[in-house]
Every structure is written in C-alpha cells, then in structure tokens.
Full PDB file with SEQRES, HELIX, SHEET, SSBOND, CRYST1, ORIGX, SCALE, CONECT and MASTER records, all heavy atoms in Angstrom:
SEQRES   1 A   32  ILE PHE SER ILE VAL GLN ASN GLN ASN GLN THR PHE ARG          
SEQRES   2 A   32  GLY GLY ASN ILE THR LEU PHE PRO HIS LYS SER PHE GLY          
SEQRES   3 A   32  LEU TYR PRO GLU TYR SER                                      
CRYST1    1.000    1.000    1.000  90.00  90.00  90.00 P 1           1          
ORIGX1      1.000000  0.000000  0.000000        0.00000                         
ORIGX2      0.000000  1.000000  0.000000        0.00000                         
ORIGX3      0.000000  0.000000  1.000000        0.00000                         
SCALE1      1.000000  0.000000  0.000000        0.00000                         
SCALE2      0.000000  1.000000  0.000000        0.00000                         
SCALE3      0.000000  0.000000  1.000000        0.00000                         
ATOM      1  N   ILE A   1      90.600  87.822  84.148  1.00  0.00           N  
ATOM      2  CA  ILE A   1      90.553  87.275  82.794  1.00  0.00           C  
ATOM      3  C   ILE A   1      91.397  86.017  82.655  1.00  0.00           C  
ATOM      4  O   ILE A   1      91.234  85.246  81.710  1.00  0.00           O  
ATOM      5  CB  ILE A   1      90.981  88.323  81.742  1.00  0.00           C  
ATOM      6  CG1 ILE A   1      92.467  88.650  81.861  1.00  0.00           C  
ATOM      7  CG2 ILE A   1      90.133  89.573  81.842  1.00  0.00           C  
ATOM      8  CD1 ILE A   1      92.964  89.539  80.752  1.00  0.00           C  
ATOM      9  N   PHE A   2      92.286  85.783  83.632  1.00  0.00           N  
ATOM     10  CA  PHE A   2      93.098  84.568  83.611  1.00  0.00           C  
ATOM     11  C   PHE A   2      92.572  83.530  84.599  1.00  0.00           C  
ATOM     12  O   PHE A   2      93.270  82.561  84.908  1.00  0.00           O  
ATOM     13  CB  PHE A   2      94.553  84.904  83.941  1.00  0.00           C  
ATOM     14  CG  PHE A   2      95.182  85.867  82.976  1.00  0.00           C  
ATOM     15  CD1 PHE A   2      95.519  87.147  83.378  1.00  0.00           C  
ATOM     16  CD2 PHE A   2      95.431  85.502  81.663  1.00  0.00           C  
ATOM     17  CE1 PHE A   2      96.110  88.041  82.501  1.00  0.00           C  
ATOM     18  CE2 PHE A   2      96.001  86.386  80.772  1.00  0.00           C  
ATOM     19  CZ  PHE A   2      96.346  87.659  81.182  1.00  0.00           C  
ATOM     20  N   SER A   3      91.353  83.727  85.071  1.00  0.00           N  
ATOM     21  CA  SER A   3      90.695  82.843  86.036  1.00  0.00           C  
ATOM     22  C   SER A   3      91.515  82.689  87.320  1.00  0.00           C  
ATOM     23  O   SER A   3      91.553  81.625  87.925  1.00  0.00           O  
ATOM     24  CB  SER A   3      90.386  81.468  85.433  1.00  0.00           C  
ATOM     25  OG  SER A   3      91.545  80.711  85.175  1.00  0.00           O  
ATOM     26  N   ILE A   4      92.177  83.767  87.738  1.00  0.00           N  
ATOM     27  CA  ILE A   4      92.877  83.778  89.018  1.00  0.00           C  
ATOM     28  C   ILE A   4      91.927  84.346  90.068  1.00  0.00           C  
ATOM     29  O   ILE A   4      91.461  85.482  89.950  1.00  0.00           O  
ATOM     30  CB  ILE A   4      94.163  84.618  88.942  1.00  0.00           C  
ATOM     31  CG1 ILE A   4      95.131  84.014  87.914  1.00  0.00           C  
ATOM     32  CG2 ILE A   4      94.831  84.704  90.314  1.00  0.00           C  
ATOM     33  CD1 ILE A   4      96.385  84.842  87.685  1.00  0.00           C  
ATOM     34  N   VAL A   5      91.620  83.561  91.073  1.00  0.00           N  
ATOM     35  CA  VAL A   5      90.679  83.956  92.111  1.00  0.00           C  
ATOM     36  C   VAL A   5      91.323  85.011  93.002  1.00  0.00           C  
ATOM     37  O   VAL A   5      92.482  84.889  93.398  1.00  0.00           O  
ATOM     38  CB  VAL A   5      90.267  82.735  92.955  1.00  0.00           C  
ATOM     39  CG1 VAL A   5      89.319  83.155  94.075  1.00  0.00           C  
ATOM     40  CG2 VAL A   5      89.607  81.681  92.078  1.00  0.00           C  
ATOM     41  N   GLN A   6      90.569  86.041  93.331  1.00  0.00           N  
ATOM     42  CA  GLN A   6      91.093  87.130  94.145  1.00  0.00           C  
ATOM     43  C   GLN A   6      89.997  87.668  95.061  1.00  0.00           C  
ATOM     44  O   GLN A   6      88.812  87.425  94.841  1.00  0.00           O  
ATOM     45  CB  GLN A   6      91.575  88.266  93.242  1.00  0.00           C  
ATOM     46  CG  GLN A   6      90.439  88.840  92.384  1.00  0.00           C  
ATOM     47  CD  GLN A   6      90.888  89.954  91.479  1.00  0.00           C  
ATOM     48  OE1 GLN A   6      91.480  90.907  91.943  1.00  0.00           O  
ATOM     49  NE2 GLN A   6      90.596  89.839  90.187  1.00  0.00           N  
ATOM     50  N   ASN A   7      90.409  88.388  96.086  1.00  0.00           N  
ATOM     51  CA  ASN A   7      89.449  89.158  96.866  1.00  0.00           C  
ATOM     52  C   ASN A   7      89.070  90.400  96.080  1.00  0.00           C  
ATOM     53  O   ASN A   7      89.859  90.921  95.289  1.00  0.00           O  
ATOM     54  CB  ASN A   7      90.047  89.559  98.213  1.00  0.00           C  
ATOM     55  CG  ASN A   7      90.176  88.373  99.156  1.00  0.00           C  
ATOM     56  OD1 ASN A   7      89.403  87.419  99.083  1.00  0.00           O  
ATOM     57  ND2 ASN A   7      91.166  88.424 100.031  1.00  0.00           N  
ATOM     58  N   GLN A   8      87.877  90.871  96.312  1.00  0.00           N  
ATOM     59  CA  GLN A   8      87.364  92.006  95.549  1.00  0.00           C  
ATOM     60  C   GLN A   8      88.285  93.215  95.638  1.00  0.00           C  
ATOM     61  O   GLN A   8      88.485  93.940  94.671  1.00  0.00           O  
ATOM     62  CB  GLN A   8      85.962  92.368  96.025  1.00  0.00           C  
ATOM     63  CG  GLN A   8      85.279  93.428  95.183  1.00  0.00           C  
ATOM     64  CD  GLN A   8      83.843  93.657  95.612  1.00  0.00           C  
ATOM     65  OE1 GLN A   8      83.395  93.109  96.612  1.00  0.00           O  
ATOM     66  NE2 GLN A   8      83.109  94.439  94.860  1.00  0.00           N  
ATOM     67  N   ASN A   9      88.897  93.413  96.803  1.00  0.00           N  
ATOM     68  CA  ASN A   9      89.760  94.580  96.987  1.00  0.00           C  
ATOM     69  C   ASN A   9      91.246  94.229  96.945  1.00  0.00           C  
ATOM     70  O   ASN A   9      92.092  95.040  97.307  1.00  0.00           O  
ATOM     71  CB  ASN A   9      89.442  95.271  98.315  1.00  0.00           C  
ATOM     72  CG  ASN A   9      89.472  94.291  99.480  1.00  0.00           C  
ATOM     73  OD1 ASN A   9      89.733  93.109  99.300  1.00  0.00           O  
ATOM     74  ND2 ASN A   9      89.207  94.788 100.673  1.00  0.00           N  
ATOM     75  N   GLN A  10      91.568  93.018  96.521  1.00  0.00           N  
ATOM     76  CA  GLN A  10      92.957  92.559  96.420  1.00  0.00           C  
ATOM     77  C   GLN A  10      93.747  92.821  97.701  1.00  0.00           C  
ATOM     78  O   GLN A  10      94.844  93.384  97.681  1.00  0.00           O  
ATOM     79  CB  GLN A  10      93.650  93.182  95.202  1.00  0.00           C  
ATOM     80  CG  GLN A  10      93.154  92.629  93.879  1.00  0.00           C  
ATOM     81  CD  GLN A  10      93.939  93.150  92.679  1.00  0.00           C  
ATOM     82  OE1 GLN A  10      95.030  93.673  92.810  1.00  0.00           O  
ATOM     83  NE2 GLN A  10      93.367  92.981  91.498  1.00  0.00           N  
ATOM     84  N   THR A  11      93.199  92.385  98.829  1.00  0.00           N  
ATOM     85  CA  THR A  11      93.894  92.481 100.105  1.00  0.00           C  
ATOM     86  C   THR A  11      94.016  91.081 100.688  1.00  0.00           C  
ATOM     87  O   THR A  11      93.540  90.097 100.118  1.00  0.00           O  
ATOM     88  CB  THR A  11      93.135  93.380 101.093  1.00  0.00           C  
ATOM     89  OG1 THR A  11      91.866  92.776 101.394  1.00  0.00           O  
ATOM     90  CG2 THR A  11      92.913  94.766 100.520  1.00  0.00           C  
ATOM     91  N   PHE A  12      94.653  90.995 101.851  1.00  0.00           N  
ATOM     92  CA  PHE A  12      94.827  89.697 102.505  1.00  0.00           C  
ATOM     93  C   PHE A  12      93.520  89.149 103.062  1.00  0.00           C  
ATOM     94  O   PHE A  12      93.420  87.959 103.332  1.00  0.00           O  
ATOM     95  CB  PHE A  12      95.854  89.806 103.640  1.00  0.00           C  
ATOM     96  CG  PHE A  12      97.273  89.938 103.170  1.00  0.00           C  
ATOM     97  CD1 PHE A  12      98.117  90.867 103.756  1.00  0.00           C  
ATOM     98  CD2 PHE A  12      97.785  89.136 102.163  1.00  0.00           C  
ATOM     99  CE1 PHE A  12      99.441  90.989 103.341  1.00  0.00           C  
ATOM    100  CE2 PHE A  12      99.101  89.247 101.746  1.00  0.00           C  
ATOM    101  CZ  PHE A  12      99.926  90.181 102.333  1.00  0.00           C  
ATOM    102  N   ARG A  13      92.535  90.017 103.264  1.00  0.00           N  
ATOM    103  CA  ARG A  13      91.265  89.587 103.850  1.00  0.00           C  
ATOM    104  C   ARG A  13      90.138  89.795 102.859  1.00  0.00           C  
ATOM    105  O   ARG A  13      90.063  90.836 102.195  1.00  0.00           O  
ATOM    106  CB  ARG A  13      90.957  90.366 105.132  1.00  0.00           C  
ATOM    107  CG  ARG A  13      91.915  90.146 106.259  1.00  0.00           C  
ATOM    108  CD  ARG A  13      91.365  90.771 107.535  1.00  0.00           C  
ATOM    109  NE  ARG A  13      91.120  92.200 107.399  1.00  0.00           N  
ATOM    110  CZ  ARG A  13      91.886  93.143 107.899  1.00  0.00           C  
ATOM    111  NH1 ARG A  13      92.980  92.820 108.571  1.00  0.00           N  
ATOM    112  NH2 ARG A  13      91.589  94.420 107.748  1.00  0.00           N  
ATOM    113  N   GLY A  14      89.228  88.798 102.766  1.00  0.00           N  
ATOM    114  CA  GLY A  14      88.085  88.942 101.885  1.00  0.00           C  
ATOM    115  C   GLY A  14      87.316  87.644 101.763  1.00  0.00           C  
ATOM    116  O   GLY A  14      87.596  86.652 102.460  1.00  0.00           O  
ATOM    117  N   GLY A  15      86.344  87.651 100.874  1.00  0.00           N  
ATOM    118  CA  GLY A  15      85.444  86.517 100.749  1.00  0.00           C  
ATOM    119  C   GLY A  15      86.053  85.277 100.131  1.00  0.00           C  
ATOM    120  O   GLY A  15      85.565  84.166 100.342  1.00  0.00           O  
ATOM    121  N   ASN A  16      87.134  85.431  99.348  1.00  0.00           N  
ATOM    122  CA  ASN A  16      87.739  84.271  98.695  1.00  0.00           C  
ATOM    123  C   ASN A  16      88.929  83.717  99.462  1.00  0.00           C  
ATOM    124  O   ASN A  16      89.190  82.519  99.411  1.00  0.00           O  
ATOM    125  CB  ASN A  16      88.166  84.630  97.269  1.00  0.00           C  
ATOM    126  CG  ASN A  16      86.975  84.743  96.337  1.00  0.00           C  
ATOM    127  OD1 ASN A  16      85.980  84.045  96.495  1.00  0.00           O  
ATOM    128  ND2 ASN A  16      87.058  85.643  95.371  1.00  0.00           N  
ATOM    129  N   ILE A  17      89.663  84.562 100.129  1.00  0.00           N  
ATOM    130  CA  ILE A  17      90.788  84.101 100.952  1.00  0.00           C  
ATOM    131  C   ILE A  17      91.064  85.123 102.042  1.00  0.00           C  
ATOM    132  O   ILE A  17      91.035  86.332 101.800  1.00  0.00           O  
ATOM    133  CB  ILE A  17      92.055  83.854 100.102  1.00  0.00           C  
ATOM    134  CG1 ILE A  17      93.193  83.326 100.988  1.00  0.00           C  
ATOM    135  CG2 ILE A  17      92.469  85.101  99.326  1.00  0.00           C  
ATOM    136  CD1 ILE A  17      94.398  82.819 100.213  1.00  0.00           C  
ATOM    137  N   THR A  18      91.310  84.619 103.242  1.00  0.00           N  
ATOM    138  CA  THR A  18      91.724  85.479 104.344  1.00  0.00           C  
ATOM    139  C   THR A  18      92.932  84.860 105.016  1.00  0.00           C  
ATOM    140  O   THR A  18      92.909  83.682 105.386  1.00  0.00           O  
ATOM    141  CB  THR A  18      90.600  85.677 105.371  1.00  0.00           C  
ATOM    142  OG1 THR A  18      89.569  86.489 104.783  1.00  0.00           O  
ATOM    143  CG2 THR A  18      91.107  86.371 106.619  1.00  0.00           C  
ATOM    144  N   LEU A  19      93.983  85.642 105.146  1.00  0.00           N  
ATOM    145  CA  LEU A  19      95.184  85.228 105.866  1.00  0.00           C  
ATOM    146  C   LEU A  19      95.133  85.865 107.243  1.00  0.00           C  
ATOM    147  O   LEU A  19      95.098  87.091 107.368  1.00  0.00           O  
ATOM    148  CB  LEU A  19      96.425  85.678 105.103  1.00  0.00           C  
ATOM    149  CG  LEU A  19      97.777  85.223 105.655  1.00  0.00           C  
ATOM    150  CD1 LEU A  19      97.911  83.707 105.560  1.00  0.00           C  
ATOM    151  CD2 LEU A  19      98.921  85.897 104.897  1.00  0.00           C  
ATOM    152  N   PHE A  20      95.101  85.036 108.275  1.00  0.00           N  
ATOM    153  CA  PHE A  20      94.968  85.516 109.650  1.00  0.00           C  
ATOM    154  C   PHE A  20      96.361  85.706 110.261  1.00  0.00           C  
ATOM    155  O   PHE A  20      97.057  84.729 110.536  1.00  0.00           O  
ATOM    156  CB  PHE A  20      94.165  84.528 110.493  1.00  0.00           C  
ATOM    157  CG  PHE A  20      92.735  84.389 110.063  1.00  0.00           C  
ATOM    158  CD1 PHE A  20      92.376  83.466 109.090  1.00  0.00           C  
ATOM    159  CD2 PHE A  20      91.745  85.179 110.619  1.00  0.00           C  
ATOM    160  CE1 PHE A  20      91.053  83.326 108.692  1.00  0.00           C  
ATOM    161  CE2 PHE A  20      90.424  85.054 110.233  1.00  0.00           C  
ATOM    162  CZ  PHE A  20      90.083  84.122 109.260  1.00  0.00           C  
ATOM    163  N   PRO A  21      96.782  86.949 110.502  1.00  0.00           N  
ATOM    164  CA  PRO A  21      98.137  87.196 111.011  1.00  0.00           C  
ATOM    165  C   PRO A  21      98.249  86.927 112.505  1.00  0.00           C  
ATOM    166  O   PRO A  21      97.302  87.148 113.262  1.00  0.00           O  
ATOM    167  CB  PRO A  21      98.351  88.673 110.695  1.00  0.00           C  
ATOM    168  CG  PRO A  21      96.973  89.262 110.726  1.00  0.00           C  
ATOM    169  CD  PRO A  21      96.041  88.191 110.223  1.00  0.00           C  
ATOM    170  N   HIS A  22      99.417  86.497 112.934  1.00  0.00           N  
ATOM    171  CA  HIS A  22      99.581  86.133 114.336  1.00  0.00           C  
ATOM    172  C   HIS A  22      99.501  87.336 115.257  1.00  0.00           C  
ATOM    173  O   HIS A  22      99.128  87.201 116.422  1.00  0.00           O  
ATOM    174  CB  HIS A  22     100.919  85.405 114.534  1.00  0.00           C  
ATOM    175  CG  HIS A  22     102.118  86.288 114.464  1.00  0.00           C  
ATOM    176  ND1 HIS A  22     102.655  86.704 113.269  1.00  0.00           N  
ATOM    177  CD2 HIS A  22     102.892  86.846 115.443  1.00  0.00           C  
ATOM    178  CE1 HIS A  22     103.707  87.462 113.510  1.00  0.00           C  
ATOM    179  NE2 HIS A  22     103.876  87.583 114.812  1.00  0.00           N  
ATOM    180  N   LYS A  23      99.817  88.510 114.777  1.00  0.00           N  
ATOM    181  CA  LYS A  23      99.859  89.682 115.657  1.00  0.00           C  
ATOM    182  C   LYS A  23      98.480  90.247 115.983  1.00  0.00           C  
ATOM    183  O   LYS A  23      98.330  90.995 116.948  1.00  0.00           O  
ATOM    184  CB  LYS A  23     100.735  90.773 115.036  1.00  0.00           C  
ATOM    185  CG  LYS A  23     102.215  90.431 115.017  1.00  0.00           C  
ATOM    186  CD  LYS A  23     103.061  91.612 114.625  1.00  0.00           C  
ATOM    187  CE  LYS A  23     104.541  91.264 114.622  1.00  0.00           C  
ATOM    188  NZ  LYS A  23     105.031  90.866 115.957  1.00  0.00           N  
ATOM    189  N   SER A  24      97.479  89.911 115.192  1.00  0.00           N  
ATOM    190  CA  SER A  24      96.163  90.507 115.438  1.00  0.00           C  
ATOM    191  C   SER A  24      95.038  89.482 115.540  1.00  0.00           C  
ATOM    192  O   SER A  24      93.934  89.837 115.945  1.00  0.00           O  
ATOM    193  CB  SER A  24      95.825  91.509 114.321  1.00  0.00           C  
ATOM    194  OG  SER A  24      95.923  90.917 113.051  1.00  0.00           O  
ATOM    195  N   PHE A  25      95.302  88.228 115.196  1.00  0.00           N  
ATOM    196  CA  PHE A  25      94.252  87.213 115.259  1.00  0.00           C  
ATOM    197  C   PHE A  25      94.299  86.528 116.614  1.00  0.00           C  
ATOM    198  O   PHE A  25      95.072  85.606 116.849  1.00  0.00           O  
ATOM    199  CB  PHE A  25      94.427  86.201 114.134  1.00  0.00           C  
ATOM    200  CG  PHE A  25      93.342  85.140 114.089  1.00  0.00           C  
ATOM    201  CD1 PHE A  25      92.006  85.498 114.142  1.00  0.00           C  
ATOM    202  CD2 PHE A  25      93.670  83.807 113.979  1.00  0.00           C  
ATOM    203  CE1 PHE A  25      90.995  84.533 114.103  1.00  0.00           C  
ATOM    204  CE2 PHE A  25      92.678  82.837 113.921  1.00  0.00           C  
ATOM    205  CZ  PHE A  25      91.342  83.200 113.984  1.00  0.00           C  
ATOM    206  N   GLY A  26      93.448  87.004 117.504  1.00  0.00           N  
ATOM    207  CA  GLY A  26      93.455  86.468 118.852  1.00  0.00           C  
ATOM    208  C   GLY A  26      94.628  86.981 119.657  1.00  0.00           C  
ATOM    209  O   GLY A  26      95.209  88.028 119.364  1.00  0.00           O  
ATOM    210  N   LEU A  27      94.964  86.251 120.714  1.00  0.00           N  
ATOM    211  CA  LEU A  27      96.083  86.623 121.599  1.00  0.00           C  
ATOM    212  C   LEU A  27      97.123  85.506 121.522  1.00  0.00           C  
ATOM    213  O   LEU A  27      97.195  84.632 122.385  1.00  0.00           O  
ATOM    214  CB  LEU A  27      95.591  86.823 123.038  1.00  0.00           C  
ATOM    215  CG  LEU A  27      94.518  87.906 123.223  1.00  0.00           C  
ATOM    216  CD1 LEU A  27      94.044  87.943 124.668  1.00  0.00           C  
ATOM    217  CD2 LEU A  27      95.040  89.271 122.782  1.00  0.00           C  
ATOM    218  N   TYR A  28      97.905  85.549 120.462  1.00  0.00           N  
ATOM    219  CA  TYR A  28      98.871  84.498 120.176  1.00  0.00           C  
ATOM    220  C   TYR A  28     100.061  84.594 121.126  1.00  0.00           C  
ATOM    221  O   TYR A  28     100.748  85.617 121.173  1.00  0.00           O  
ATOM    222  CB  TYR A  28      99.328  84.654 118.728  1.00  0.00           C  
ATOM    223  CG  TYR A  28     100.361  83.674 118.242  1.00  0.00           C  
ATOM    224  CD1 TYR A  28     100.139  82.295 118.302  1.00  0.00           C  
ATOM    225  CD2 TYR A  28     101.549  84.130 117.683  1.00  0.00           C  
ATOM    226  CE1 TYR A  28     101.082  81.410 117.816  1.00  0.00           C  
ATOM    227  CE2 TYR A  28     102.499  83.246 117.192  1.00  0.00           C  
ATOM    228  CZ  TYR A  28     102.259  81.882 117.262  1.00  0.00           C  
ATOM    229  OH  TYR A  28     103.187  80.997 116.775  1.00  0.00           O  
ATOM    230  N   PRO A  29     100.349  83.537 121.897  1.00  0.00           N  
ATOM    231  CA  PRO A  29     101.496  83.577 122.800  1.00  0.00           C  
ATOM    232  C   PRO A  29     102.795  83.373 122.024  1.00  0.00           C  
ATOM    233  O   PRO A  29     102.927  82.448 121.222  1.00  0.00           O  
ATOM    234  CB  PRO A  29     101.232  82.407 123.747  1.00  0.00           C  
ATOM    235  CG  PRO A  29     100.381  81.460 122.957  1.00  0.00           C  
ATOM    236  CD  PRO A  29      99.555  82.301 122.024  1.00  0.00           C  
ATOM    237  N   GLU A  30     103.767  84.244 122.257  1.00  0.00           N  
ATOM    238  CA  GLU A  30     105.049  84.153 121.565  1.00  0.00           C  
ATOM    239  C   GLU A  30     106.076  84.975 122.321  1.00  0.00           C  
ATOM    240  O   GLU A  30     105.755  85.695 123.264  1.00  0.00           O  
ATOM    241  CB  GLU A  30     104.924  84.675 120.129  1.00  0.00           C  
ATOM    242  CG  GLU A  30     104.504  86.136 120.050  1.00  0.00           C  
ATOM    243  CD  GLU A  30     104.492  86.690 118.636  1.00  0.00           C  
ATOM    244  OE1 GLU A  30     105.235  86.156 117.782  1.00  0.00           O  
ATOM    245  OE2 GLU A  30     103.745  87.655 118.391  1.00  0.00           O  
ATOM    246  N   TYR A  31     107.326  84.877 121.872  1.00  0.00           N  
ATOM    247  CA  TYR A  31     108.387  85.735 122.367  1.00  0.00           C  
ATOM    248  C   TYR A  31     108.783  86.711 121.270  1.00  0.00           C  
ATOM    249  O   TYR A  31     108.787  86.375 120.089  1.00  0.00           O  
ATOM    250  CB  TYR A  31     109.606  84.917 122.780  1.00  0.00           C  
ATOM    251  CG  TYR A  31     109.426  84.154 124.074  1.00  0.00           C  
ATOM    252  CD1 TYR A  31     109.267  82.774 124.066  1.00  0.00           C  
ATOM    253  CD2 TYR A  31     109.418  84.816 125.304  1.00  0.00           C  
ATOM    254  CE1 TYR A  31     109.105  82.058 125.246  1.00  0.00           C  
ATOM    255  CE2 TYR A  31     109.252  84.118 126.485  1.00  0.00           C  
ATOM    256  CZ  TYR A  31     109.093  82.739 126.456  1.00  0.00           C  
ATOM    257  OH  TYR A  31     108.920  82.056 127.636  1.00  0.00           O  
ATOM    258  N   SER A  32     109.152  87.908 121.679  1.00  0.00           N  
ATOM    259  CA  SER A  32     109.667  88.882 120.723  1.00  0.00           C  
ATOM    260  C   SER A  32     111.081  88.478 120.312  1.00  0.00           C  
ATOM    261  O   SER A  32     111.672  87.545 120.881  1.00  0.00           O  
ATOM    262  CB  SER A  32     109.689  90.278 121.338  1.00  0.00           C  
ATOM    263  OG  SER A  32     110.679  90.344 122.349  1.00  0.00           O  
TER     264      SER A  32                                                      
MASTER        0    0    0    0    0    0    0    6  263    1    0    3          
END                                                                             
C-alpha cells in the first residue's frame, strides 16, 4: 500500500529482487 516493491514471499530471493550470497552462489574463492 506504500508502493514498496517486494518479493511475493518477502525473502532474499524472488522475481523483484534476488541477493546472491557468497556462500552458495557458485564456488566463491575466499579464506575463512
């Protein structure tokens, strides 16, 4: 009602916005 765009299920992933985390999106090289 305030024209704030959201995903249908209000999660990080969906049709309006997806945030791709480094731990699961591909094989991201890093140090612990």
